Amino acid sequence: KPKLARVAPRFSMAPVEFVEFNFTIADAAALRARAEALGIAPVYDAAAGATGFTVLIDAETGLVLDTLTQNFSEKAMGDALSRALAIASYAEEQPRAAP
């Protein structure tokens, strides 16, 4: 986490929200409710209880864009965040099919 904490300020003006789910000290039901409120419950359910990684999710689609681990360098984390933003931005610009 310290590496990500050093990288995150570079994205302070970007449409990024950093959300932490600490399974060590929090109530599982409260965490699940928070994930539901954020619209990321399926990702939460798939990873619940696991530790040591950060999932980059497109909030619009719920798609997992990348997963960061403690083995990533700060540069690799920054690059992954930049890629995820580019992918999410591109997806938002594409026309959607009519319902």
C-alpha atoms as a PDB file:
ATOM      1  CA  LYS A   1       0.000   0.000   0.000  1.00  0.00           C
ATOM      2  CA  PRO A   2       2.742   2.561   0.645  1.00  0.00           C
ATOM      3  CA  LYS A   3       3.706   2.453  -3.049  1.00  0.00           C
ATOM      4  CA  LEU A   4       0.128   3.060  -4.133  1.00  0.00           C
ATOM      5  CA  ALA A   5      -0.193   5.854  -1.566  1.00  0.00           C
ATOM      6  CA  ARG A   6       2.778   7.539  -3.230  1.00  0.00           C
ATOM      7  CA  VAL A   7       1.329   7.037  -6.733  1.00  0.00           C
ATOM      8  CA  ALA A   8      -2.276   8.067  -5.989  1.00  0.00           C
ATOM      9  CA  PRO A   9      -1.645  11.835  -5.687  1.00  0.00           C
ATOM     10  CA  ARG A  10      -0.583  11.884  -9.353  1.00  0.00           C
ATOM     11  CA  PHE A  11      -4.187  11.039 -10.194  1.00  0.00           C
ATOM     12  CA  SER A  12      -5.861  13.562  -7.878  1.00  0.00           C
ATOM     13  CA  MET A  13      -7.373  15.454 -10.830  1.00  0.00           C
ATOM     14  CA  ALA A  14      -8.379  12.298 -12.719  1.00  0.00           C
ATOM     15  CA  PRO A  15     -11.798  10.630 -12.441  1.00  0.00           C
ATOM     16  CA  VAL A  16     -10.435   8.041 -10.007  1.00  0.00           C
ATOM     17  CA  GLU A  17     -11.816   7.038  -6.643  1.00  0.00           C
ATOM     18  CA  PHE A  18      -9.628   5.014  -4.323  1.00  0.00           C
ATOM     19  CA  VAL A  19     -11.745   2.782  -2.085  1.00  0.00           C
ATOM     20  CA  GLU A  20     -10.238   0.467   0.501  1.00  0.00           C
ATOM     21  CA  PHE A  21     -11.810  -2.688   1.875  1.00  0.00           C
ATOM     22  CA  ASN A  22      -9.830  -3.755   4.920  1.00  0.00           C
ATOM     23  CA  PHE A  23     -10.919  -7.300   5.715  1.00  0.00           C
ATOM     24  CA  THR A  24      -8.667  -7.447   8.765  1.00  0.00           C
ATOM     25  CA  ILE A  25     -10.508  -4.922  10.910  1.00  0.00           C
ATOM     26  CA  ALA A  26     -13.937  -4.369   9.357  1.00  0.00           C
ATOM     27  CA  ASP A  27     -17.285  -6.125   9.592  1.00  0.00           C
ATOM     28  CA  ALA A  28     -17.857  -8.267   6.497  1.00  0.00           C
ATOM     29  CA  ALA A  29     -21.535  -7.305   6.212  1.00  0.00           C
ATOM     30  CA  ALA A  30     -20.677  -3.600   6.347  1.00  0.00           C
ATOM     31  CA  LEU A  31     -18.014  -4.059   3.676  1.00  0.00           C
ATOM     32  CA  ARG A  32     -20.467  -5.946   1.463  1.00  0.00           C
ATOM     33  CA  ALA A  33     -23.047  -3.192   1.897  1.00  0.00           C
ATOM     34  CA  ARG A  34     -20.460  -0.594   0.928  1.00  0.00           C
ATOM     35  CA  ALA A  35     -19.513  -2.576  -2.183  1.00  0.00           C
ATOM     36  CA  GLU A  36     -23.191  -2.834  -3.092  1.00  0.00           C
ATOM     37  CA  ALA A  37     -23.624   0.926  -2.681  1.00  0.00           C
ATOM     38  CA  LEU A  38     -20.631   1.522  -4.948  1.00  0.00           C
ATOM     39  CA  GLY A  39     -21.993  -0.862  -7.587  1.00  0.00           C
ATOM     40  CA  ILE A  40     -19.033  -3.240  -7.333  1.00  0.00           C
ATOM     41  CA  ALA A  41     -20.610  -6.096  -5.391  1.00  0.00           C
ATOM     42  CA  PRO A  42     -19.752  -8.790  -7.994  1.00  0.00           C
ATOM     43  CA  VAL A  43     -16.064  -7.869  -7.818  1.00  0.00           C
ATOM     44  CA  TYR A  44     -16.230  -7.695  -4.037  1.00  0.00           C
ATOM     45  CA  ASP A  45     -17.862 -11.129  -3.868  1.00  0.00           C
ATOM     46  CA  ALA A  46     -15.163 -12.640  -6.074  1.00  0.00           C
ATOM     47  CA  ALA A  47     -12.363 -11.220  -3.909  1.00  0.00           C
ATOM     48  CA  ALA A  48     -13.922 -11.102  -0.438  1.00  0.00           C
ATOM     49  CA  GLY A  49     -11.429 -11.968   2.250  1.00  0.00           C
ATOM     50  CA  ALA A  50      -8.395 -11.864  -0.016  1.00  0.00           C
ATOM     51  CA  THR A  51      -5.681  -9.343   0.745  1.00  0.00           C
ATOM     52  CA  GLY A  52      -2.583  -7.801  -0.760  1.00  0.00           C
ATOM     53  CA  PHE A  53      -3.909  -6.431  -4.043  1.00  0.00           C
ATOM     54  CA  THR A  54      -5.766  -3.514  -5.589  1.00  0.00           C
ATOM     55  CA  VAL A  55      -8.411  -4.023  -8.255  1.00  0.00           C
ATOM     56  CA  LEU A  56      -8.894  -1.334 -10.900  1.00  0.00           C
ATOM     57  CA  ILE A  57     -12.570  -1.302 -11.885  1.00  0.00           C
ATOM     58  CA  ASP A  58     -14.424   0.721 -14.501  1.00  0.00           C
ATOM     59  CA  ALA A  59     -17.256   2.071 -12.360  1.00  0.00           C
ATOM     60  CA  GLU A  60     -19.455   2.569 -15.419  1.00  0.00           C
ATOM     61  CA  THR A  61     -19.290  -1.040 -16.613  1.00  0.00           C
ATOM     62  CA  GLY A  62     -18.065  -2.965 -13.559  1.00  0.00           C
ATOM     63  CA  LEU A  63     -15.285  -4.414 -15.718  1.00  0.00           C
ATOM     64  CA  VAL A  64     -12.041  -5.268 -13.931  1.00  0.00           C
ATOM     65  CA  LEU A  65      -9.351  -3.426 -15.893  1.00  0.00           C
ATOM     66  CA  ASP A  66      -6.291  -4.557 -13.959  1.00  0.00           C
ATOM     67  CA  THR A  67      -5.086  -5.848 -10.622  1.00  0.00           C
ATOM     68  CA  LEU A  68      -2.128  -4.340  -8.792  1.00  0.00           C
ATOM     69  CA  THR A  69      -0.045  -6.334  -6.348  1.00  0.00           C
ATOM     70  CA  GLN A  70       2.729  -5.440  -3.967  1.00  0.00           C
ATOM     71  CA  ASN A  71       5.170  -6.750  -6.589  1.00  0.00           C
ATOM     72  CA  PHE A  72       4.370  -3.791  -8.872  1.00  0.00           C
ATOM     73  CA  SER A  73       6.845  -0.932  -8.846  1.00  0.00           C
ATOM     74  CA  GLU A  74       5.514   2.595  -8.410  1.00  0.00           C
ATOM     75  CA  LYS A  75       6.062   3.144 -12.143  1.00  0.00           C
ATOM     76  CA  ALA A  76       4.128  -0.022 -13.007  1.00  0.00           C
ATOM     77  CA  MET A  77       1.269   1.061 -10.735  1.00  0.00           C
ATOM     78  CA  GLY A  78       1.147   4.489 -12.355  1.00  0.00           C
ATOM     79  CA  ASP A  79       1.251   2.951 -15.817  1.00  0.00           C
ATOM     80  CA  ALA A  80      -1.576   0.542 -14.922  1.00  0.00           C
ATOM     81  CA  LEU A  81      -3.719   3.385 -13.575  1.00  0.00           C
ATOM     82  CA  SER A  82      -3.076   5.421 -16.729  1.00  0.00           C
ATOM     83  CA  ARG A  83      -4.029   2.436 -18.922  1.00  0.00           C
ATOM     84  CA  ALA A  84      -7.186   1.828 -16.903  1.00  0.00           C
ATOM     85  CA  LEU A  85      -8.194   5.470 -17.265  1.00  0.00           C
ATOM     86  CA  ALA A  86      -7.568   5.330 -21.005  1.00  0.00           C
ATOM     87  CA  ILE A  87      -9.659   2.171 -21.369  1.00  0.00           C
ATOM     88  CA  ALA A  88     -12.510   3.562 -19.268  1.00  0.00           C
ATOM     89  CA  SER A  89     -12.458   6.883 -21.135  1.00  0.00           C
ATOM     90  CA  TYR A  90     -12.512   5.121 -24.497  1.00  0.00           C
ATOM     91  CA  ALA A  91     -15.445   2.947 -23.437  1.00  0.00           C
ATOM     92  CA  GLU A  92     -17.405   6.001 -22.308  1.00  0.00           C
ATOM     93  CA  GLU A  93     -16.872   7.696 -25.684  1.00  0.00           C
ATOM     94  CA  GLN A  94     -18.279   4.768 -27.689  1.00  0.00           C
ATOM     95  CA  PRO A  95     -21.907   4.965 -28.813  1.00  0.00           C
ATOM     96  CA  ARG A  96     -24.228   2.674 -26.921  1.00  0.00           C
ATOM     97  CA  ALA A  97     -26.784   0.470 -28.635  1.00  0.00           C
ATOM     98  CA  ALA A  98     -30.384   1.508 -28.168  1.00  0.00           C
ATOM     99  CA  PRO A  99     -32.280  -0.561 -25.603  1.00  0.00           C
END
